[in-house]
Amino acid sequence: MQQETKPNLLLGLDLAAAVLAVVGWLGVLALWLFTVPTADARWLFFMLGLSAMTGTLLPVVRHLNRRFGRAPAPAHVLLRRALWPALLAAICAWLQIARTLTWEIAALLAAIFIFIEWLLEVRERSRWDPDSGR
């Protein structure tokens, strides 16, 4: 029964990735072409950029998980894994606007996000129950 619903979840994930990417990239393009850089437009840029990067990276993360993962990851884990690099890109864009971004800060942020993901993975593994099969 659970195997039948998995393709539907991943189809929904692909649909969500497409919507996020299309809305995000078209929104960034519209902002770039039709607005002036005010504070509201900057926040909208960060939100749309995060959406665009998440939607773009979701198929890549899904492929990497299918290729190198031990077991298929649930849809929420794939979404979370795609959100980390998108969040890193949005934070780096924000820091670059303020001219405070350096390679060291970007590497530190990436290391922090990798560490947080590792902690979440350890937590999920510790909650694993062999009797339930999940």
Protein backbone atom coordinates (compact mmCIF):
# COMPACT_ATOMS: atom_id res chain seq x y z
CA MET A 1 0.00 0.00 0.00
CA GLN A 2 2.77 2.43 0.85
CA GLN A 3 4.63 1.67 -2.39
CA GLU A 4 1.59 2.78 -4.42
CA THR A 5 1.46 6.27 -2.91
CA LYS A 6 5.17 7.00 -3.24
CA PRO A 7 5.15 7.80 -6.99
CA ASN A 8 2.22 10.16 -6.39
CA LEU A 9 4.19 11.98 -3.69
CA LEU A 10 7.20 12.30 -5.95
CA LEU A 11 4.98 13.46 -8.81
CA GLY A 12 3.65 16.14 -6.48
CA LEU A 13 7.23 17.02 -5.56
CA ASP A 14 8.13 17.41 -9.24
CA LEU A 15 5.08 19.59 -9.77
CA ALA A 16 5.98 21.71 -6.75
CA ALA A 17 9.55 22.06 -8.04
CA ALA A 18 8.30 23.20 -11.44
CA VAL A 19 5.91 25.74 -9.92
CA LEU A 20 8.57 27.07 -7.53
CA ALA A 21 11.14 27.41 -10.30
CA VAL A 22 8.84 29.01 -12.87
CA VAL A 23 7.21 31.46 -10.45
CA GLY A 24 10.55 32.28 -8.85
CA TRP A 25 12.54 32.88 -12.03
CA LEU A 26 9.72 34.78 -13.77
CA GLY A 27 9.29 36.90 -10.65
CA VAL A 28 13.01 37.68 -10.47
CA LEU A 29 12.97 38.58 -14.16
CA ALA A 30 9.93 40.84 -13.68
CA LEU A 31 11.58 42.51 -10.71
CA TRP A 32 14.76 43.05 -12.69
CA LEU A 33 12.94 44.54 -15.68
CA PHE A 34 10.07 46.51 -14.17
CA THR A 35 10.96 47.75 -10.68
CA VAL A 36 13.39 50.08 -9.01
CA PRO A 37 15.55 48.76 -6.15
CA THR A 38 13.52 49.82 -3.12
CA ALA A 39 13.43 47.97 0.19
CA ASP A 40 10.19 46.18 -0.72
CA ALA A 41 11.58 45.04 -4.05
CA ARG A 42 14.72 43.72 -2.35
CA TRP A 43 12.73 41.57 0.07
CA LEU A 44 10.63 40.33 -2.82
CA PHE A 45 13.86 39.54 -4.69
CA PHE A 46 15.11 37.42 -1.79
CA MET A 47 11.80 35.58 -1.49
CA LEU A 48 11.52 34.93 -5.22
CA GLY A 49 15.20 34.00 -5.44
CA LEU A 50 14.79 31.48 -2.64
CA SER A 51 11.77 30.03 -4.43
CA ALA A 52 13.58 29.91 -7.78
CA MET A 53 16.70 28.27 -6.38
CA THR A 54 14.71 25.72 -4.37
CA GLY A 55 12.62 24.74 -7.38
CA THR A 56 15.69 24.52 -9.59
CA LEU A 57 17.72 22.46 -7.13
CA LEU A 58 14.95 20.03 -6.19
CA PRO A 59 15.36 17.74 -9.24
CA VAL A 60 19.14 17.81 -8.77
CA VAL A 61 18.82 16.82 -5.11
CA ARG A 62 16.33 14.10 -6.01
CA HIS A 63 18.70 12.68 -8.62
CA LEU A 64 21.68 12.78 -6.25
CA ASN A 65 19.66 11.06 -3.54
CA ARG A 66 18.48 8.37 -5.96
CA ARG A 67 22.03 7.86 -7.26
CA PHE A 68 24.01 7.96 -4.01
CA GLY A 69 21.43 7.46 -1.23
CA ARG A 70 21.13 4.21 0.67
CA ALA A 71 17.34 4.32 0.73
CA PRO A 72 14.78 6.55 -0.98
CA ALA A 73 14.26 9.72 1.02
CA PRO A 74 10.78 11.05 1.75
CA ALA A 75 9.59 14.12 -0.11
CA HIS A 76 9.98 16.45 2.87
CA VAL A 77 13.64 15.43 3.27
CA LEU A 78 14.32 16.12 -0.41
CA LEU A 79 12.66 19.52 -0.10
CA ARG A 80 14.71 20.33 3.00
CA ARG A 81 17.94 19.30 1.27
CA ALA A 82 17.13 21.53 -1.70
CA LEU A 83 16.24 24.42 0.59
CA TRP A 84 19.69 24.58 2.27
CA PRO A 85 21.72 25.65 -0.80
CA ALA A 86 18.90 27.97 -1.87
CA LEU A 87 18.95 29.60 1.55
CA LEU A 88 22.74 29.87 1.32
CA ALA A 89 22.40 31.63 -2.05
CA ALA A 90 19.79 34.05 -0.68
CA ILE A 91 21.90 34.88 2.37
CA CYS A 92 24.99 35.35 0.20
CA ALA A 93 23.02 37.70 -2.09
CA TRP A 94 21.88 39.68 0.95
CA LEU A 95 25.43 39.92 2.27
CA GLN A 96 26.73 40.90 -1.17
CA ILE A 97 24.29 43.80 -1.38
CA ALA A 98 25.73 45.10 1.89
CA ARG A 99 29.27 44.40 0.55
CA THR A 100 30.08 42.16 3.52
CA LEU A 101 30.29 38.82 1.73
CA THR A 102 33.68 37.11 1.69
CA TRP A 103 34.68 33.59 0.73
CA GLU A 104 35.30 32.81 4.39
CA ILE A 105 31.78 33.84 5.40
CA ALA A 106 30.23 31.86 2.54
CA ALA A 107 32.27 28.77 3.47
CA LEU A 108 31.35 29.17 7.14
CA LEU A 109 27.66 29.45 6.29
CA ALA A 110 27.89 26.36 4.06
CA ALA A 111 29.63 24.44 6.86
CA ILE A 112 26.94 25.51 9.33
CA PHE A 113 24.16 24.35 6.98
CA ILE A 114 25.92 21.03 6.38
CA PHE A 115 26.30 20.57 10.14
CA ILE A 116 22.61 21.33 10.76
CA GLU A 117 21.60 18.83 8.06
CA TRP A 118 23.90 16.23 9.58
CA LEU A 119 22.29 16.80 13.01
CA LEU A 120 18.83 16.38 11.50
CA GLU A 121 19.91 13.15 9.78
CA VAL A 122 21.36 11.80 13.05
CA ARG A 123 18.10 12.66 14.80
CA GLU A 124 16.05 10.86 12.15
CA ARG A 125 18.27 7.78 12.35
CA SER A 126 17.98 7.69 16.14
CA ARG A 127 14.18 7.69 15.87
CA TRP A 128 14.18 4.74 13.45
CA ASP A 129 12.11 1.77 14.57
CA PRO A 130 13.03 -1.55 12.90
CA ASP A 131 9.61 -3.04 13.68
CA SER A 132 7.67 -0.35 11.85
CA GLY A 133 9.92 -0.42 8.79
CA ARG A 134 10.36 3.35 8.65
